[in-house]
Protein backbone atom coordinates (compact mmCIF):
# COMPACT_ATOMS: atom_id res chain seq x y z
CA MET A 1 43.15 95.67 216.73
CA LYS A 2 42.88 91.68 217.99
CA ASP A 3 44.70 88.58 216.93
CA GLN A 4 42.08 85.80 217.56
CA ASN A 5 44.90 83.78 218.69
CA CYS A 6 46.42 85.75 221.12
CA ALA A 7 45.53 85.25 224.97
CA TYR A 8 45.90 88.82 225.51
CA CYS A 9 43.54 90.12 222.75
CA MET A 10 40.83 87.40 223.29
CA ARG A 11 40.84 87.59 226.86
CA GLU A 12 36.85 88.26 227.20
CA GLU A 13 35.98 86.49 223.84
CA ARG A 14 37.99 83.19 224.44
CA GLY A 15 39.01 83.04 228.09
CA GLU A 16 40.62 79.70 228.03
CA LEU A 17 43.73 81.20 226.18
CA LEU A 18 44.29 83.56 229.50
CA ASP A 19 43.38 80.81 231.86
CA ALA A 20 46.21 78.64 230.65
CA PHE A 21 48.86 80.96 232.50
CA GLY A 22 47.00 83.77 234.10
CA ILE A 23 43.93 85.62 235.99
CA PHE A 24 42.25 88.90 234.92
CA ILE A 25 42.77 91.36 237.56
CA CYS A 26 41.74 94.63 236.29
CA GLU A 27 41.94 96.99 233.26
CA LEU A 28 44.50 100.11 233.85
CA SER A 29 44.54 103.16 231.47
CA VAL A 30 45.72 101.47 228.26
CA SER A 31 46.65 97.78 229.57
CA SER A 32 45.22 94.91 231.26
CA LEU A 33 46.80 93.47 234.41
CA ILE A 34 47.09 89.40 235.03
CA LEU A 35 48.01 87.87 237.55
CA PHE A 36 50.75 84.90 236.53
CA LYS A 37 49.41 81.86 237.60
CA GLU A 38 53.00 80.52 238.58
CA GLN A 39 53.80 82.22 241.75
CA SER A 40 57.01 81.01 242.81
CA HIS A 41 57.92 84.83 243.19
CA PRO A 42 54.42 86.16 245.17
CA GLY A 43 52.78 88.83 243.34
CA ARG A 44 54.28 88.19 239.87
CA CYS A 45 51.83 89.67 237.11
CA ILE A 46 52.06 90.59 233.74
CA VAL A 47 50.89 93.91 232.28
CA ALA A 48 49.44 93.59 228.58
CA TYR A 49 49.10 96.64 226.58
CA LYS A 50 45.36 97.28 225.02
CA ASP A 51 46.00 96.74 221.25
CA HIS A 52 47.66 93.85 219.75
CA VAL A 53 51.44 95.49 218.77
CA SER A 54 54.56 93.76 218.87
CA GLU A 55 57.33 96.30 219.86
CA LEU A 56 57.45 99.80 222.52
CA VAL A 57 58.63 101.20 218.71
CA ASP A 58 54.76 100.66 217.30
CA LEU A 59 53.59 103.20 220.20
CA THR A 60 53.42 106.82 219.63
CA GLU A 61 55.33 108.41 222.65
CA GLU A 62 52.37 109.40 224.36
CA GLU A 63 50.84 105.76 224.00
CA ARG A 64 54.30 104.46 225.23
CA ASN A 65 54.07 107.08 228.07
CA ALA A 66 50.64 105.46 229.00
CA PHE A 67 51.60 102.20 229.17
CA PHE A 68 54.93 102.64 231.24
CA ALA A 69 52.71 104.43 233.56
CA ASP A 70 50.38 101.48 234.11
CA VAL A 71 53.54 99.46 234.55
CA ALA A 72 54.81 101.62 237.18
CA ARG A 73 51.34 101.58 238.82
CA ALA A 74 51.16 98.05 238.82
CA ALA A 75 54.96 97.83 240.60
CA LYS A 76 53.93 100.21 243.23
CA ALA A 77 50.82 97.95 243.88
CA ILE A 78 53.26 94.82 244.09
CA HIS A 79 55.79 96.82 246.15
CA ALA A 80 52.71 97.59 248.44
CA ALA A 81 50.97 94.50 248.65
CA PHE A 82 53.89 92.00 248.55
CA HIS A 83 57.22 93.92 249.86
CA PRO A 84 59.77 92.37 247.44
CA ASP A 85 63.02 93.37 247.88
CA LYS A 86 63.08 94.15 244.27
CA VAL A 87 60.80 93.79 241.11
CA ASN A 88 62.44 92.49 238.11
CA TYR A 89 60.78 93.51 234.57
CA GLY A 90 60.70 91.48 231.20
CA ALA A 91 59.47 92.32 227.97
CA TYR A 92 59.12 88.94 225.74
CA GLY A 93 57.06 87.82 223.00
CA ASP A 94 59.25 85.87 220.28
CA THR A 95 56.03 83.84 219.43
CA GLY A 96 53.24 85.76 221.07
CA ARG A 97 53.77 89.31 220.01
CA HIS A 98 51.85 91.20 221.81
CA LEU A 99 53.79 93.70 223.84
CA HIS A 100 53.45 92.78 227.71
CA PHE A 101 55.79 93.37 230.56
CA HIS A 102 56.51 90.45 233.18
CA LEU A 103 56.61 92.19 236.80
CA VAL A 104 58.22 89.24 238.60
CA PRO A 105 58.77 90.43 242.79
CA LYS A 106 61.99 88.80 243.67
CA TYR A 107 62.79 88.22 247.53
CA LYS A 108 66.41 88.04 249.16
CA ASP A 109 65.50 84.83 250.88
CA GLY A 110 63.08 83.36 248.16
CA PHE A 111 63.61 81.61 244.64
CA GLU A 112 66.07 82.83 242.01
CA TRP A 113 67.22 85.82 244.21
CA GLY A 114 70.22 86.93 242.52
CA GLY A 115 69.66 85.04 239.18
CA VAL A 116 67.43 85.38 235.99
CA PHE A 117 63.80 84.51 236.91
CA GLN A 118 62.42 81.48 234.24
CA MET A 119 59.39 82.32 232.30
CA ASP A 120 57.38 79.46 233.50
CA PRO A 121 59.06 77.04 235.71
CA LYS A 122 55.74 75.69 236.74
CA GLN A 123 56.90 75.55 240.36
CA LYS A 124 54.22 76.91 242.52
CA THR A 125 50.29 77.00 241.56
CA LEU A 126 47.76 78.01 244.31
CA ALA A 127 44.54 77.17 245.32
CA ASP A 128 41.78 79.69 243.64
CA GLY A 129 41.16 81.20 246.92
CA GLU A 130 44.80 82.16 247.37
CA TYR A 131 44.60 83.38 243.91
CA GLN A 132 41.49 85.62 244.92
CA ASP A 133 43.43 86.89 248.13
CA MET A 134 46.45 88.01 246.30
CA ILE A 135 43.93 89.89 243.28
CA ALA A 136 42.33 91.44 246.41
CA ARG A 137 45.66 92.50 248.15
CA ILE A 138 46.57 94.04 244.67
CA LYS A 139 43.26 95.79 243.86
CA ALA A 140 43.42 97.70 247.16
CA GLU A 141 47.11 99.10 246.40
CA LEU A 142 46.13 100.64 242.75
């Protein structure tokens, strides 16, 4: 099931929705891995479930376990590629209502250490080549 106005659902058909905030990295077992364009936390990604569901409770136990396995796989790749001191996990979606997790690497001497990360502070965007380098680093660790 797809929502025609959802960036995660329409990633292939209408990429401009996703292009507003992210860059597709790859498919995982039951989700998509997306690099968040705002990179004040180097390596920040989103893991979005394959179907347009709103809540974890909308998944069967098997689906939920597979989704969390994808989240863990992505987090492990982020740790290996960028060596953060901690990865924060955020699940939001009051308006979008598509199940996804933000994986936000935090660095002791970096932006917002010790505080809650902002959803889209527009602090730091990168050149296309820098995004592609980050994507290559993540893919190498998956």
